[in-house]
Amino acid sequence: MENKAYIFELQDFHKKWINDLDFYKEQVKVFEERLAKVSLNNVDKDVKIEVEKFQNRFIIQRNEIDYLRHDIKQQENELEREEKTAPIISEMETITEEFTLKDRMDTFERLFLDLQLEFDTFIEKHI
């Protein structure tokens, strides 16, 4: 028997992920503000190098947030098209894509938390 999933369940995942991504995007803004303060208060060359590395990593994080957001929205559009034909979809079609998105979200969140810990350590040393 083929596994089935209700479209509204998948849409709930999307809403949660979009909310999470909004939170992470706001966190990046906070990190950038804190980094700017450190940069202004330190003239040490090594600190400036670390500041630049974090700036680049924050750009990468914002880009990844945008890519994930786009892909989630694309998947949501696909679900809306599917919903018009049937409220239940097969695992082989959309569910596979959902697992890919879930895996990407999990990886993003893990890497984001690692970055946050590393950044907090840097900030503590230079405030």
N, C-alpha and C. Protein backbone atom coordinates (compact mmCIF):
# COMPACT_ATOMS: atom_id res chain seq x y z
N MET A 1 0.85 -1.19 0.00
CA MET A 1 0.00 0.00 0.00
C MET A 1 0.89 1.25 0.00
N GLU A 2 0.56 2.18 -0.83
CA GLU A 2 1.34 3.40 -0.97
C GLU A 2 1.03 4.35 0.20
N ASN A 3 2.08 4.95 0.78
CA ASN A 3 1.87 5.93 1.85
C ASN A 3 1.28 7.20 1.27
N LYS A 4 0.40 7.82 2.05
CA LYS A 4 -0.27 9.05 1.62
C LYS A 4 -0.03 10.14 2.64
N ALA A 5 -0.15 11.37 2.19
CA ALA A 5 -0.05 12.52 3.09
C ALA A 5 -1.09 13.53 2.66
N TYR A 6 -1.70 14.17 3.64
CA TYR A 6 -2.64 15.22 3.33
C TYR A 6 -1.88 16.51 3.01
N ILE A 7 -2.34 17.19 2.01
CA ILE A 7 -1.68 18.42 1.57
C ILE A 7 -1.60 19.43 2.71
N PHE A 8 -2.66 19.55 3.51
CA PHE A 8 -2.64 20.56 4.58
C PHE A 8 -1.54 20.28 5.60
N GLU A 9 -1.17 19.01 5.77
CA GLU A 9 -0.07 18.69 6.69
C GLU A 9 1.25 19.22 6.14
N LEU A 10 1.43 19.06 4.86
CA LEU A 10 2.65 19.56 4.23
C LEU A 10 2.68 21.09 4.25
N GLN A 11 1.53 21.71 4.06
CA GLN A 11 1.46 23.16 4.10
C GLN A 11 1.80 23.68 5.50
N ASP A 12 1.45 22.93 6.52
CA ASP A 12 1.83 23.33 7.89
C ASP A 12 3.34 23.35 8.06
N PHE A 13 4.02 22.37 7.48
CA PHE A 13 5.49 22.38 7.51
C PHE A 13 6.01 23.65 6.85
N HIS A 14 5.45 23.99 5.71
CA HIS A 14 5.91 25.17 4.98
C HIS A 14 5.75 26.44 5.82
N LYS A 15 4.60 26.58 6.46
CA LYS A 15 4.37 27.75 7.30
C LYS A 15 5.40 27.84 8.42
N LYS A 16 5.67 26.71 9.05
CA LYS A 16 6.66 26.69 10.13
C LYS A 16 8.04 27.06 9.59
N TRP A 17 8.42 26.47 8.47
CA TRP A 17 9.73 26.75 7.90
C TRP A 17 9.88 28.22 7.51
N ILE A 18 8.85 28.78 6.91
CA ILE A 18 8.90 30.20 6.52
C ILE A 18 9.04 31.07 7.77
N ASN A 19 8.29 30.75 8.82
CA ASN A 19 8.42 31.50 10.08
C ASN A 19 9.82 31.36 10.65
N ASP A 20 10.36 30.16 10.62
CA ASP A 20 11.73 29.93 11.11
C ASP A 20 12.73 30.75 10.30
N LEU A 21 12.57 30.75 8.99
CA LEU A 21 13.49 31.51 8.13
C LEU A 21 13.39 33.00 8.39
N ASP A 22 12.18 33.48 8.65
CA ASP A 22 12.02 34.90 9.01
C ASP A 22 12.78 35.21 10.29
N PHE A 23 12.69 34.31 11.25
CA PHE A 23 13.43 34.48 12.51
C PHE A 23 14.94 34.51 12.25
N TYR A 24 15.43 33.58 11.46
CA TYR A 24 16.87 33.52 11.18
C TYR A 24 17.34 34.77 10.43
N LYS A 25 16.52 35.28 9.54
CA LYS A 25 16.89 36.49 8.81
C LYS A 25 17.01 37.67 9.78
N GLU A 26 16.11 37.76 10.73
CA GLU A 26 16.19 38.81 11.75
C GLU A 26 17.44 38.62 12.62
N GLN A 27 17.76 37.38 12.93
CA GLN A 27 18.96 37.10 13.72
C GLN A 27 20.21 37.57 12.99
N VAL A 28 20.26 37.34 11.68
CA VAL A 28 21.41 37.79 10.89
C VAL A 28 21.55 39.31 10.99
N LYS A 29 20.42 40.03 10.94
CA LYS A 29 20.47 41.49 11.08
C LYS A 29 21.05 41.88 12.44
N VAL A 30 20.63 41.20 13.49
CA VAL A 30 21.15 41.48 14.83
C VAL A 30 22.65 41.19 14.87
N PHE A 31 23.06 40.06 14.30
CA PHE A 31 24.48 39.72 14.26
C PHE A 31 25.28 40.81 13.54
N GLU A 32 24.75 41.28 12.43
CA GLU A 32 25.47 42.30 11.66
C GLU A 32 25.60 43.60 12.45
N GLU A 33 24.58 43.97 13.19
CA GLU A 33 24.67 45.17 14.03
C GLU A 33 25.74 45.00 15.11
N ARG A 34 25.76 43.85 15.74
CA ARG A 34 26.77 43.59 16.77
C ARG A 34 28.17 43.57 16.16
N LEU A 35 28.29 42.99 14.98
CA LEU A 35 29.58 42.93 14.30
C LEU A 35 30.06 44.33 13.93
N ALA A 36 29.16 45.19 13.51
CA ALA A 36 29.53 46.56 13.17
C ALA A 36 30.10 47.29 14.38
N LYS A 37 29.52 47.06 15.55
CA LYS A 37 30.03 47.69 16.78
C LYS A 37 31.44 47.20 17.10
N VAL A 38 31.65 45.91 16.94
CA VAL A 38 32.99 45.35 17.19
C VAL A 38 33.98 45.95 16.20
N SER A 39 33.59 46.05 14.96
CA SER A 39 34.48 46.59 13.93
C SER A 39 34.85 48.04 14.22
N LEU A 40 33.88 48.82 14.67
CA LEU A 40 34.15 50.22 14.98
C LEU A 40 35.07 50.39 16.19
N ASN A 41 34.97 49.48 17.12
CA ASN A 41 35.72 49.61 18.38
C ASN A 41 37.07 48.90 18.36
N ASN A 42 37.43 48.25 17.26
CA ASN A 42 38.69 47.52 17.19
C ASN A 42 39.43 47.89 15.91
N VAL A 43 40.68 48.23 16.08
CA VAL A 43 41.51 48.55 14.92
C VAL A 43 42.51 47.43 14.62
N ASP A 44 42.55 46.44 15.48
CA ASP A 44 43.47 45.32 15.30
C ASP A 44 43.21 44.61 13.97
N LYS A 45 44.28 44.38 13.23
CA LYS A 45 44.17 43.76 11.89
C LYS A 45 43.52 42.38 11.96
N ASP A 46 43.89 41.58 12.96
CA ASP A 46 43.32 40.22 13.09
C ASP A 46 41.81 40.27 13.36
N VAL A 47 41.41 41.25 14.15
CA VAL A 47 39.98 41.40 14.43
C VAL A 47 39.26 41.80 13.14
N LYS A 48 39.83 42.70 12.39
CA LYS A 48 39.23 43.14 11.12
C LYS A 48 39.08 41.97 10.14
N ILE A 49 40.06 41.09 10.14
CA ILE A 49 39.99 39.91 9.27
C ILE A 49 38.83 39.01 9.70
N GLU A 50 38.69 38.82 11.01
CA GLU A 50 37.58 38.01 11.52
C GLU A 50 36.23 38.67 11.23
N VAL A 51 36.19 39.98 11.36
CA VAL A 51 34.96 40.71 11.05
C VAL A 51 34.56 40.46 9.59
N GLU A 52 35.52 40.56 8.70
CA GLU A 52 35.23 40.34 7.28
C GLU A 52 34.75 38.91 7.02
N LYS A 53 35.36 37.95 7.70
CA LYS A 53 34.93 36.56 7.54
C LYS A 53 33.47 36.39 7.98
N PHE A 54 33.13 36.99 9.11
CA PHE A 54 31.75 36.90 9.57
C PHE A 54 30.80 37.62 8.63
N GLN A 55 31.22 38.76 8.10
CA GLN A 55 30.37 39.48 7.14
C GLN A 55 30.05 38.58 5.94
N ASN A 56 31.07 37.90 5.44
CA ASN A 56 30.88 37.00 4.30
C ASN A 56 29.96 35.83 4.66
N ARG A 57 30.14 35.31 5.84
CA ARG A 57 29.29 34.19 6.27
C ARG A 57 27.84 34.63 6.45
N PHE A 58 27.63 35.84 6.90
CA PHE A 58 26.27 36.36 7.05
C PHE A 58 25.61 36.55 5.69
N ILE A 59 26.39 36.98 4.72
CA ILE A 59 25.86 37.10 3.35
C ILE A 59 25.43 35.73 2.84
N ILE A 60 26.26 34.75 3.08
CA ILE A 60 25.94 33.38 2.66
C ILE A 60 24.66 32.90 3.35
N GLN A 61 24.53 33.20 4.63
CA GLN A 61 23.33 32.78 5.36
C GLN A 61 22.07 33.45 4.79
N ARG A 62 22.16 34.75 4.53
CA ARG A 62 21.01 35.45 3.94
C ARG A 62 20.64 34.86 2.59
N ASN A 63 21.65 34.56 1.78
CA ASN A 63 21.39 33.95 0.47
C ASN A 63 20.71 32.59 0.62
N GLU A 64 21.21 31.80 1.54
CA GLU A 64 20.62 30.47 1.74
C GLU A 64 19.19 30.59 2.24
N ILE A 65 18.93 31.54 3.11
CA ILE A 65 17.56 31.79 3.57
C ILE A 65 16.67 32.12 2.37
N ASP A 66 17.15 32.97 1.49
CA ASP A 66 16.37 33.34 0.30
C ASP A 66 16.14 32.14 -0.61
N TYR A 67 17.17 31.31 -0.81
CA TYR A 67 17.01 30.11 -1.65
C TYR A 67 15.99 29.14 -1.04
N LEU A 68 16.11 28.91 0.25
CA LEU A 68 15.18 28.01 0.91
C LEU A 68 13.75 28.55 0.82
N ARG A 69 13.62 29.81 1.09
CA ARG A 69 12.30 30.46 1.02
C ARG A 69 11.69 30.29 -0.36
N HIS A 70 12.48 30.54 -1.38
CA HIS A 70 12.02 30.39 -2.76
C HIS A 70 11.58 28.95 -3.03
N ASP A 71 12.39 28.01 -2.64
CA ASP A 71 12.07 26.60 -2.91
C ASP A 71 10.83 26.15 -2.14
N ILE A 72 10.68 26.65 -0.93
CA ILE A 72 9.48 26.32 -0.15
C ILE A 72 8.25 26.91 -0.84
N LYS A 73 8.37 28.13 -1.29
CA LYS A 73 7.24 28.77 -2.00
C LYS A 73 6.91 28.01 -3.28
N GLN A 74 7.93 27.57 -3.99
CA GLN A 74 7.70 26.78 -5.20
C GLN A 74 6.97 25.48 -4.88
N GLN A 75 7.40 24.83 -3.81
CA GLN A 75 6.75 23.59 -3.40
C GLN A 75 5.30 23.88 -2.97
N GLU A 76 5.10 24.99 -2.31
CA GLU A 76 3.75 25.38 -1.90
C GLU A 76 2.86 25.59 -3.12
N ASN A 77 3.39 26.22 -4.14
CA ASN A 77 2.63 26.40 -5.38
C ASN A 77 2.27 25.05 -6.00
N GLU A 78 3.20 24.13 -5.97
CA GLU A 78 2.94 22.78 -6.50
C GLU A 78 1.83 22.09 -5.69
N LEU A 79 1.88 22.25 -4.38
CA LEU A 79 0.84 21.66 -3.54
C LEU A 79 -0.52 22.26 -3.84
N GLU A 80 -0.56 23.55 -4.08
CA GLU A 80 -1.83 24.19 -4.41
C GLU A 80 -2.40 23.64 -5.72
N ARG A 81 -1.52 23.38 -6.68
CA ARG A 81 -1.98 22.78 -7.94
C ARG A 81 -2.49 21.36 -7.68
N GLU A 82 -1.76 20.60 -6.86
CA GLU A 82 -2.17 19.24 -6.53
C GLU A 82 -3.50 19.23 -5.78
N GLU A 83 -3.68 20.19 -4.90
CA GLU A 83 -4.87 20.25 -4.07
C GLU A 83 -6.15 20.40 -4.91
N LYS A 84 -6.00 21.02 -6.05
CA LYS A 84 -7.16 21.19 -6.92
C LYS A 84 -7.65 19.86 -7.48
N THR A 85 -6.74 18.90 -7.61
CA THR A 85 -7.14 17.62 -8.17
C THR A 85 -7.47 16.58 -7.10
N ALA A 86 -6.77 16.64 -5.95
CA ALA A 86 -7.04 15.67 -4.88
C ALA A 86 -6.41 16.16 -3.59
N PRO A 87 -7.09 15.99 -2.45
CA PRO A 87 -6.53 16.44 -1.17
C PRO A 87 -5.45 15.52 -0.61
N ILE A 88 -5.27 14.37 -1.24
CA ILE A 88 -4.25 13.43 -0.79
C ILE A 88 -3.29 13.20 -1.94
N ILE A 89 -2.00 13.21 -1.64
CA ILE A 89 -1.00 13.00 -2.68
C ILE A 89 -0.16 11.79 -2.36
N SER A 90 0.48 11.25 -3.37
CA SER A 90 1.28 10.05 -3.15
C SER A 90 2.67 10.40 -2.66
N GLU A 91 3.24 9.53 -1.87
CA GLU A 91 4.57 9.74 -1.31
C GLU A 91 5.61 9.85 -2.41
N MET A 92 5.43 9.12 -3.48
CA MET A 92 6.44 9.09 -4.54
C MET A 92 6.58 10.44 -5.24
N GLU A 93 5.56 11.23 -5.24
CA GLU A 93 5.63 12.51 -5.96
C GLU A 93 6.16 13.62 -5.06
N THR A 94 5.28 14.28 -4.38
CA THR A 94 5.63 15.48 -3.64
C THR A 94 6.34 15.18 -2.32
N ILE A 95 6.04 14.07 -1.70
CA ILE A 95 6.63 13.76 -0.41
C ILE A 95 8.15 13.67 -0.52
N THR A 96 8.65 13.13 -1.59
CA THR A 96 10.10 13.06 -1.79
C THR A 96 10.70 14.46 -1.78
N GLU A 97 10.04 15.38 -2.45
CA GLU A 97 10.53 16.76 -2.46
C GLU A 97 10.44 17.37 -1.07
N GLU A 98 9.40 17.01 -0.32
CA GLU A 98 9.26 17.52 1.05
C GLU A 98 10.42 17.05 1.92
N PHE A 99 10.79 15.79 1.79
CA PHE A 99 11.91 15.28 2.58
C PHE A 99 13.20 16.00 2.22
N THR A 100 13.36 16.33 0.96
CA THR A 100 14.54 17.08 0.53
C THR A 100 14.54 18.46 1.19
N LEU A 101 13.39 19.13 1.17
CA LEU A 101 13.29 20.44 1.82
C LEU A 101 13.53 20.32 3.32
N LYS A 102 12.95 19.30 3.93
CA LYS A 102 13.13 19.11 5.37
C LYS A 102 14.60 18.89 5.69
N ASP A 103 15.27 18.09 4.90
CA ASP A 103 16.70 17.83 5.10
C ASP A 103 17.50 19.13 4.95
N ARG A 104 17.17 19.92 3.96
CA ARG A 104 17.86 21.20 3.76
C ARG A 104 17.62 22.14 4.94
N MET A 105 16.39 22.18 5.43
CA MET A 105 16.08 23.03 6.59
C MET A 105 16.85 22.55 7.82
N ASP A 106 16.87 21.26 8.05
CA ASP A 106 17.60 20.72 9.20
C ASP A 106 19.08 21.06 9.11
N THR A 107 19.65 20.91 7.94
CA THR A 107 21.06 21.22 7.74
C THR A 107 21.31 22.71 7.94
N PHE A 108 20.45 23.54 7.36
CA PHE A 108 20.59 24.98 7.54
C PHE A 108 20.55 25.35 9.02
N GLU A 109 19.58 24.83 9.74
CA GLU A 109 19.43 25.17 11.16
C GLU A 109 20.64 24.73 11.97
N ARG A 110 21.15 23.56 11.68
CA ARG A 110 22.33 23.07 12.39
C ARG A 110 23.54 23.97 12.13
N LEU A 111 23.75 24.32 10.86
CA LEU A 111 24.87 25.19 10.51
C LEU A 111 24.69 26.60 11.06
N PHE A 112 23.46 27.07 11.08
CA PHE A 112 23.19 28.39 11.63
C PHE A 112 23.51 28.43 13.11
N LEU A 113 23.11 27.40 13.84
CA LEU A 113 23.40 27.35 15.27
C LEU A 113 24.89 27.27 15.53
N ASP A 114 25.61 26.53 14.69
CA ASP A 114 27.08 26.48 14.82
C ASP A 114 27.68 27.87 14.60
N LEU A 115 27.20 28.57 13.59
CA LEU A 115 27.67 29.92 13.31
C LEU A 115 27.35 30.85 14.49
N GLN A 116 26.17 30.73 15.03
CA GLN A 116 25.77 31.56 16.16
C GLN A 116 26.69 31.35 17.36
N LEU A 117 27.00 30.11 17.65
CA LEU A 117 27.90 29.82 18.77
C LEU A 117 29.29 30.40 18.53
N GLU A 118 29.77 30.23 17.33
CA GLU A 118 31.09 30.76 16.98
C GLU A 118 31.09 32.29 17.04
N PHE A 119 30.03 32.90 16.56
CA PHE A 119 29.93 34.35 16.58
C PHE A 119 29.82 34.87 18.01
N ASP A 120 29.03 34.21 18.83
CA ASP A 120 28.90 34.64 20.24
C ASP A 120 30.25 34.58 20.95
N THR A 121 31.04 33.56 20.68
CA THR A 121 32.37 33.44 21.27
C THR A 121 33.25 34.60 20.81
N PHE A 122 33.21 34.91 19.52
CA PHE A 122 33.98 36.03 18.98
C PHE A 122 33.56 37.35 19.63
N ILE A 123 32.27 37.58 19.74
CA ILE A 123 31.75 38.81 20.33
C ILE A 123 32.19 38.96 21.79
N GLU A 124 32.10 37.88 22.53
CA GLU A 124 32.50 37.92 23.94
C GLU A 124 33.96 38.33 24.10
N LYS A 125 34.80 37.91 23.20
CA LYS A 125 36.23 38.24 23.26
C LYS A 125 36.50 39.70 22.91
N HIS A 126 35.64 40.31 22.12
CA HIS A 126 35.97 41.62 21.54
C HIS A 126 35.02 42.75 21.93
N ILE A 127 34.22 42.53 22.92
CA ILE A 127 33.36 43.63 23.39
C ILE A 127 34.01 44.29 24.58
